[in-house]
C-alpha atoms as a PDB file:
ATOM      1  CA  MET A   1      -0.019  -0.014  -0.022  1.00  0.00           C
ATOM      2  CA  ASP A   2       1.108   3.546  -0.634  1.00  0.00           C
ATOM      3  CA  ASN A   3       1.780   6.159   1.939  1.00  0.00           C
ATOM      4  CA  LEU A   4      -1.458   7.473   3.423  1.00  0.00           C
ATOM      5  CA  SER A   5      -0.744  10.912   1.945  1.00  0.00           C
ATOM      6  CA  ASN A   6      -0.780   9.394  -1.535  1.00  0.00           C
ATOM      7  CA  VAL A   7      -3.944   7.454  -0.811  1.00  0.00           C
ATOM      8  CA  LEU A   8      -5.616  10.627   0.501  1.00  0.00           C
ATOM      9  CA  GLU A   9      -4.477  12.610  -2.560  1.00  0.00           C
ATOM     10  CA  ARG A  10      -5.916  10.001  -4.972  1.00  0.00           C
ATOM     11  CA  ALA A  11      -9.150   9.840  -2.937  1.00  0.00           C
ATOM     12  CA  LEU A  12      -9.568  13.620  -2.929  1.00  0.00           C
ATOM     13  CA  THR A  13      -8.867  13.728  -6.707  1.00  0.00           C
ATOM     14  CA  THR A  14     -11.523  11.085  -7.287  1.00  0.00           C
ATOM     15  CA  TYR A  15     -13.938  12.957  -4.947  1.00  0.00           C
ATOM     16  CA  PHE A  16     -13.621  16.198  -6.868  1.00  0.00           C
ATOM     17  CA  ASN A  17     -13.918  14.436 -10.232  1.00  0.00           C
ATOM     18  CA  VAL A  18     -17.069  12.688  -9.112  1.00  0.00           C
ATOM     19  CA  LEU A  19     -18.402  15.920  -7.611  1.00  0.00           C
ATOM     20  CA  SER A  20     -17.736  17.874 -10.808  1.00  0.00           C
ATOM     21  CA  SER A  21     -19.383  15.302 -13.034  1.00  0.00           C
ATOM     22  CA  THR A  22     -22.405  14.348 -10.955  1.00  0.00           C
ATOM     23  CA  GLY A  23     -22.776  17.290  -8.577  1.00  0.00           C
ATOM     24  CA  TYR A  24     -23.352  15.013  -5.548  1.00  0.00           C
ATOM     25  CA  VAL A  25     -21.375  12.578  -3.393  1.00  0.00           C
ATOM     26  CA  CYS A  26     -23.056  10.423  -0.766  1.00  0.00           C
ATOM     27  CA  TYR A  27     -22.600  11.712   2.811  1.00  0.00           C
ATOM     28  CA  ASN A  28     -21.305   8.301   3.961  1.00  0.00           C
ATOM     29  CA  ASP A  29     -18.503   8.505   1.347  1.00  0.00           C
ATOM     30  CA  VAL A  30     -17.648  12.042   2.439  1.00  0.00           C
ATOM     31  CA  ASN A  31     -17.521  10.898   6.081  1.00  0.00           C
ATOM     32  CA  LYS A  32     -15.143   8.068   5.138  1.00  0.00           C
ATOM     33  CA  LEU A  33     -12.978  10.588   3.267  1.00  0.00           C
ATOM     34  CA  LEU A  34     -12.890  12.842   6.341  1.00  0.00           C
ATOM     35  CA  LEU A  35     -11.900   9.907   8.541  1.00  0.00           C
ATOM     36  CA  LEU A  36      -9.047   9.086   6.142  1.00  0.00           C
ATOM     37  CA  SER A  37      -7.927  12.712   6.242  1.00  0.00           C
ATOM     38  CA  LEU A  38      -8.032  12.754  10.053  1.00  0.00           C
ATOM     39  CA  ILE A  39      -5.965   9.552  10.399  1.00  0.00           C
ATOM     40  CA  GLU A  40      -3.454  10.807   7.852  1.00  0.00           C
ATOM     41  CA  GLU A  41      -3.109  14.080   9.747  1.00  0.00           C
ATOM     42  CA  LEU A  42      -2.734  12.349  13.087  1.00  0.00           C
ATOM     43  CA  THR A  43      -0.066   9.911  11.876  1.00  0.00           C
ATOM     44  CA  SER A  44       2.040  12.307   9.851  1.00  0.00           C
ATOM     45  CA  GLY A  45       1.726  15.505  11.901  1.00  0.00           C
ATOM     46  CA  PRO A  46       3.151  16.609  15.201  1.00  0.00           C
ATOM     47  CA  MET A  47       0.505  14.688  17.151  1.00  0.00           C
ATOM     48  CA  SER A  48       1.987  11.370  16.099  1.00  0.00           C
ATOM     49  CA  ALA A  49       4.353  11.481  19.087  1.00  0.00           C
ATOM     50  CA  PHE A  50       1.348  11.122  21.420  1.00  0.00           C
ATOM     51  CA  ILE A  51      -0.176   8.096  19.724  1.00  0.00           C
ATOM     52  CA  ASP A  52       0.434   4.765  21.421  1.00  0.00           C
ATOM     53  CA  ASP A  53       0.185   1.194  20.142  1.00  0.00           C
ATOM     54  CA  LYS A  54      -3.514   0.854  21.050  1.00  0.00           C
ATOM     55  CA  ASP A  55      -4.304   3.977  19.023  1.00  0.00           C
ATOM     56  CA  TYR A  56      -2.347   2.699  16.007  1.00  0.00           C
ATOM     57  CA  ASN A  57      -4.243  -0.569  16.151  1.00  0.00           C
ATOM     58  CA  SER A  58      -7.567   1.262  16.339  1.00  0.00           C
ATOM     59  CA  MET A  59      -6.622   3.475  13.365  1.00  0.00           C
ATOM     60  CA  ASN A  60      -5.434   0.421  11.411  1.00  0.00           C
ATOM     61  CA  ASN A  61      -8.754  -1.311  12.020  1.00  0.00           C
ATOM     62  CA  ALA A  62     -10.701   1.805  11.039  1.00  0.00           C
ATOM     63  CA  LEU A  63      -8.723   2.095   7.813  1.00  0.00           C
ATOM     64  CA  TYR A  64      -9.419  -1.492   6.858  1.00  0.00           C
ATOM     65  CA  CYS A  65     -13.144  -0.843   7.512  1.00  0.00           C
ATOM     66  CA  ILE A  66     -13.230   2.091   5.064  1.00  0.00           C
ATOM     67  CA  PHE A  67     -10.894   0.773   2.359  1.00  0.00           C
ATOM     68  CA  GLY A  68     -12.778  -0.582  -0.642  1.00  0.00           C
ATOM     69  CA  THR A  69     -16.254   0.362   0.521  1.00  0.00           C
ATOM     70  CA  SER A  70     -16.681   3.110  -2.101  1.00  0.00           C
ATOM     71  CA  CYS A  71     -15.140   4.215  -5.328  1.00  0.00           C
ATOM     72  CA  LEU A  72     -13.382   7.116  -3.504  1.00  0.00           C
ATOM     73  CA  ILE A  73     -11.024   5.008  -1.393  1.00  0.00           C
ATOM     74  CA  PRO A  74      -9.723   1.907  -3.173  1.00  0.00           C
ATOM     75  CA  TYR A  75      -8.771  -1.254  -1.327  1.00  0.00           C
ATOM     76  CA  PRO A  76      -5.015  -1.469  -0.793  1.00  0.00           C
ATOM     77  CA  PRO A  77      -2.890  -4.258  -2.252  1.00  0.00           C
ATOM     78  CA  THR A  78      -2.773  -7.386  -0.080  1.00  0.00           C
ATOM     79  CA  GLU A  79       0.983  -7.742   0.153  1.00  0.00           C
ATOM     80  CA  GLU A  80       1.221  -5.227   3.025  1.00  0.00           C
ATOM     81  CA  SER A  81       0.144  -6.251   6.489  1.00  0.00           C
ATOM     82  CA  SER A  82      -0.268  -2.770   8.052  1.00  0.00           C
ATOM     83  CA  ALA A  83      -2.131   0.259   6.822  1.00  0.00           C
ATOM     84  CA  VAL A  84      -0.667   2.886   9.136  1.00  0.00           C
ATOM     85  CA  TYR A  85       2.585   4.299   7.750  1.00  0.00           C
ATOM     86  CA  GLY A  86       4.968   6.761   9.231  1.00  0.00           C
ATOM     87  CA  GLU A  87       7.898   8.236   7.336  1.00  0.00           C
ATOM     88  CA  GLU A  88       8.430   7.567   3.635  1.00  0.00           C
ATOM     89  CA  GLY A  89       9.057   3.859   3.160  1.00  0.00           C
ATOM     90  CA  SER A  90       8.779   2.726   6.784  1.00  0.00           C
ATOM     91  CA  ILE A  91       6.074   0.671   8.440  1.00  0.00           C
ATOM     92  CA  ARG A  92       5.049   1.523  11.992  1.00  0.00           C
ATOM     93  CA  ILE A  93       5.283  -1.577  14.161  1.00  0.00           C
ATOM     94  CA  SER A  94       2.398  -1.755  16.589  1.00  0.00           C
ATOM     95  CA  GLU A  95       3.220  -4.819  18.725  1.00  0.00           C
ATOM     96  CA  ASP A  96       2.923  -4.293  22.436  1.00  0.00           C
ATOM     97  CA  ASP A  97       6.337  -5.831  23.227  1.00  0.00           C
ATOM     98  CA  MET A  98       8.257  -3.626  20.829  1.00  0.00           C
ATOM     99  CA  ILE A  99      10.083  -0.568  22.094  1.00  0.00           C
ATOM    100  CA  ARG A 100       9.437   2.345  19.786  1.00  0.00           C
ATOM    101  CA  PHE A 101      11.071   5.729  19.721  1.00  0.00           C
ATOM    102  CA  THR A 102       9.869   9.236  18.833  1.00  0.00           C
ATOM    103  CA  GLN A 103      11.585  11.431  16.314  1.00  0.00           C
ATOM    104  CA  ASP A 104      13.603  12.882  19.171  1.00  0.00           C
ATOM    105  CA  ASN A 105      14.875   9.344  20.085  1.00  0.00           C
ATOM    106  CA  LYS A 106      12.827   9.225  23.273  1.00  0.00           C
ATOM    107  CA  PRO A 107      11.266   5.801  24.048  1.00  0.00           C
ATOM    108  CA  ARG A 108       7.533   5.597  23.826  1.00  0.00           C
ATOM    109  CA  THR A 109       5.587   4.039  26.647  1.00  0.00           C
ATOM    110  CA  PRO A 110       3.731   0.850  25.720  1.00  0.00           C
ATOM    111  CA  ALA A 111      -0.079   0.800  25.588  1.00  0.00           C
ATOM    112  CA  ILE A 112      -1.696  -0.423  28.785  1.00  0.00           C
END
């Protein structure tokens, strides 16, 4: 699967193409697009330092619920096991026993 920023960009492009040709997009599809935008902002912005493993698992489950349910957000390829990505080309590991570090090399506390 691509980086969430690329997925969001393609979804927004599709959204505006559908909106310009039909003049209407279902509210459920718009809500899914907003959720994708929120998750992308949380995982790539400055708030990502405050997200623990339990939050990443919840976001991953939410992404798999919205992928492929409409034409706006396509289903990701099956070769990847995780939907939540961090920096370019890296997968965020969300196992409880793993020690993860912030961008400032400070260890994150595990989810309780």
